[in-house]
Protein backbone atom coordinates (compact mmCIF):
# COMPACT_ATOMS: atom_id res chain seq x y z
CA MET A 1 15.41 20.65 124.52
CA PRO A 2 14.67 17.57 126.65
CA LEU A 3 17.14 17.49 129.90
CA GLY A 4 19.95 15.35 129.30
CA THR A 5 20.73 15.78 126.23
CA LYS A 6 23.65 17.21 124.62
CA THR A 7 24.44 19.40 121.40
CA LYS A 8 27.24 19.28 119.63
CA GLN A 9 30.00 21.51 120.24
CA TYR A 10 31.57 21.67 116.78
CA GLU A 11 30.25 22.12 113.07
CA THR A 12 31.14 19.43 110.45
CA PRO A 13 32.44 20.57 106.85
CA ASN A 14 29.99 21.38 104.30
CA HIS A 15 31.09 19.12 101.89
CA PRO A 16 32.00 15.31 102.94
CA TYR A 17 35.06 14.96 100.51
CA GLN A 18 37.46 17.51 99.58
CA GLY A 19 40.75 16.24 98.97
CA GLU A 20 42.75 19.21 99.67
CA ARG A 21 40.81 20.10 103.14
CA ILE A 22 41.10 16.43 104.19
CA ALA A 23 44.84 16.52 103.53
CA ASN A 24 45.17 19.67 105.59
CA GLU A 25 43.15 18.06 108.57
CA HIS A 26 45.23 15.16 108.48
CA SER A 27 48.43 17.22 108.96
CA LEU A 28 47.04 19.19 111.64
CA ILE A 29 45.98 16.31 113.42
CA ASP A 30 49.58 14.40 112.95
CA ARG A 31 51.24 17.40 114.30
CA TYR A 32 48.94 18.03 117.42
CA GLY A 33 48.52 14.60 118.39
CA LEU A 34 44.57 14.89 118.31
CA LYS A 35 42.77 11.92 118.81
CA ASN A 36 40.20 12.33 115.63
CA LYS A 37 38.86 15.01 113.42
CA GLU A 38 36.13 15.94 115.93
CA GLU A 39 39.01 17.66 118.42
CA LEU A 40 40.14 19.62 115.15
CA TRP A 41 36.36 20.70 114.28
CA ARG A 42 35.99 21.76 117.96
CA ALA A 43 38.74 24.06 117.33
CA GLN A 44 37.46 25.33 114.43
CA SER A 45 34.06 26.00 115.64
CA GLU A 46 35.95 27.75 118.68
CA LEU A 47 38.00 30.01 116.41
CA ARG A 48 34.98 30.73 114.37
CA SER A 49 32.84 31.73 117.22
CA TYR A 50 35.86 34.28 118.18
CA ARG A 51 35.89 35.85 114.79
CA ARG A 52 32.11 36.00 114.72
CA GLU A 53 32.15 37.91 118.22
CA ALA A 54 34.87 40.17 116.93
CA ARG A 55 33.14 41.12 113.92
CA ASP A 56 29.86 41.89 115.77
CA LEU A 57 31.82 44.23 118.02
CA LEU A 58 34.01 46.11 115.44
CA GLY A 59 30.24 46.36 113.73
CA GLN A 60 28.81 48.32 116.51
CA ALA A 61 29.56 52.01 117.55
CA GLN A 62 32.98 52.09 119.08
CA GLY A 63 32.18 55.23 121.23
CA ASP A 64 29.59 53.19 123.15
CA GLU A 65 30.19 52.20 126.84
CA THR A 66 28.69 48.58 126.57
CA VAL A 67 30.67 47.81 123.33
CA GLN A 68 33.76 49.07 125.02
CA ARG A 69 33.58 46.99 128.11
CA ARG A 70 32.55 44.07 125.83
CA SER A 71 35.51 44.47 123.82
CA GLU A 72 38.03 44.71 126.52
CA GLU A 73 36.14 41.69 128.43
CA PHE A 74 36.40 39.42 125.23
CA LEU A 75 40.24 40.62 124.59
CA GLY A 76 41.08 40.16 127.83
CA ARG A 77 39.69 36.49 128.02
CA LEU A 78 41.82 35.86 124.77
CA LYS A 79 45.07 37.44 126.00
CA ARG A 80 44.44 35.46 129.14
CA VAL A 81 44.54 32.11 127.71
CA GLY A 82 47.53 33.17 125.02
CA ILE A 83 45.54 33.34 121.83
CA LEU A 84 46.04 36.96 121.55
CA ASP A 85 49.58 39.04 122.44
CA GLU A 86 48.94 41.94 124.98
CA ALA A 87 49.65 44.57 122.24
CA ASP A 88 46.96 43.00 119.88
CA GLU A 89 43.65 44.84 119.36
CA LEU A 90 40.29 43.80 118.14
CA GLY A 91 40.99 43.54 114.40
CA ALA A 92 43.95 40.64 115.34
CA VAL A 93 41.23 38.34 116.19
CA LEU A 94 40.13 38.05 112.65
CA SER A 95 43.49 36.83 111.35
CA LEU A 96 43.65 34.07 114.17
CA GLU A 97 44.48 30.45 112.78
CA VAL A 98 43.40 27.21 114.12
CA GLU A 99 46.50 26.81 115.10
CA ASP A 100 46.69 29.33 117.46
CA ILE A 101 43.80 27.64 119.24
CA LEU A 102 45.60 24.24 119.03
CA GLU A 103 48.67 25.59 120.50
CA ARG A 104 46.77 26.66 123.93
CA ARG A 105 46.05 22.97 124.52
CA LEU A 106 47.57 21.14 127.37
CA GLN A 107 48.49 18.63 125.04
CA THR A 108 50.90 20.88 123.01
CA VAL A 109 52.10 23.09 125.96
CA VAL A 110 53.33 19.38 127.54
CA TYR A 111 55.31 18.79 124.29
CA ARG A 112 56.25 22.16 123.69
CA LYS A 113 57.89 22.35 127.26
CA GLY A 114 59.73 19.15 126.78
CA LEU A 115 57.93 16.91 129.26
CA ALA A 116 57.22 14.25 126.22
CA ASN A 117 59.14 13.08 123.20
CA THR A 118 55.90 13.37 120.91
CA THR A 119 52.35 14.88 121.34
CA GLN A 120 50.75 11.47 121.24
CA GLN A 121 53.12 10.59 124.46
CA ALA A 122 51.88 14.20 125.79
CA ARG A 123 48.46 12.86 125.37
CA GLN A 124 49.19 9.63 127.13
CA PHE A 125 50.97 11.22 130.10
CA ILE A 126 48.01 13.37 130.50
CA THR A 127 45.25 10.81 129.98
CA HIS A 128 47.14 8.42 132.64
CA GLY A 129 47.31 11.04 135.46
CA HIS A 130 50.80 11.96 135.14
CA ILE A 131 50.52 15.80 134.49
CA VAL A 132 49.36 18.47 137.32
CA VAL A 133 48.88 22.36 136.45
CA ASP A 134 49.65 24.30 139.73
CA GLY A 135 49.36 21.09 141.66
CA GLN A 136 46.20 20.07 140.36
CA ARG A 137 45.69 16.77 138.07
CA HIS A 138 44.39 17.46 134.78
CA ARG A 139 43.37 14.36 132.67
CA VAL A 140 41.63 15.98 129.78
CA PRO A 141 44.14 16.90 126.75
CA SER A 142 42.24 19.49 125.45
CA TYR A 143 42.32 21.92 128.69
CA VAL A 144 43.48 25.28 127.76
CA VAL A 145 46.32 26.45 129.57
CA ASP A 146 46.51 30.16 130.64
CA VAL A 147 49.48 32.09 129.99
CA ASP A 148 50.38 32.27 133.75
CA GLU A 149 49.64 28.77 134.34
CA GLU A 150 52.42 27.56 131.68
CA ASP A 151 55.45 27.65 133.74
CA LEU A 152 53.06 25.59 136.40
CA VAL A 153 52.85 22.64 133.99
CA GLU A 154 54.94 19.49 135.49
CA PHE A 155 55.07 16.13 136.20
CA ASP A 156 53.02 14.86 139.26
CA GLU A 157 55.15 14.21 142.31
CA THR A 158 53.73 11.12 142.87
CA SER A 159 54.03 9.89 139.38
CA PRO A 160 56.88 7.25 138.10
CA LEU A 161 57.57 10.16 135.62
CA ALA A 162 58.76 12.27 138.05
CA ASP A 163 61.93 10.25 138.47
CA GLU A 164 64.60 11.98 136.19
CA LEU A 165 66.02 8.48 135.14
CA HIS A 166 62.66 7.23 133.94
CA PRO A 167 62.94 5.69 130.26
CA GLU A 168 60.10 7.19 129.14
CA ARG A 169 61.17 10.72 130.04
CA ALA A 170 61.86 13.11 127.26
CA GLU A 171 65.85 13.19 126.07
CA GLY A 172 67.39 16.33 128.33
CA GLN A 173 64.39 16.93 130.75
């Protein structure tokens, strides 16, 4: 592949028109304030890769040290970003839904914390640079927030939105 070419990070649906799938996609896009279906397809592809890796690890001999180490690393990664709970095992990866992936986006975390009135407003606050995570400004709504970073999501202190009385601030925040 020539330098500078970028590969797609998602797979499109196999069939272009399936009414039920399209309706489901639209409801997820509305609920999570996604810009377009590409963002949803990217999350679905990420979920597929998690499931693929889990099936691969489950299919190998569990007594093998290498498999054990890879399983622990894989589970540790998913637990760190909050996709899995601490008590979950490798089999739990197979029962994950795309919503579990979408819930860990910075955009959703900002909305769930009450920093924005809607997911769309959360997206705008992020892209305009009003949100920081542990003092570091993030302008990418799809940034995956680690569990230990979740409490560190807040308004940038230099942002006009840091003022409690700002008219765009979420009610009660």
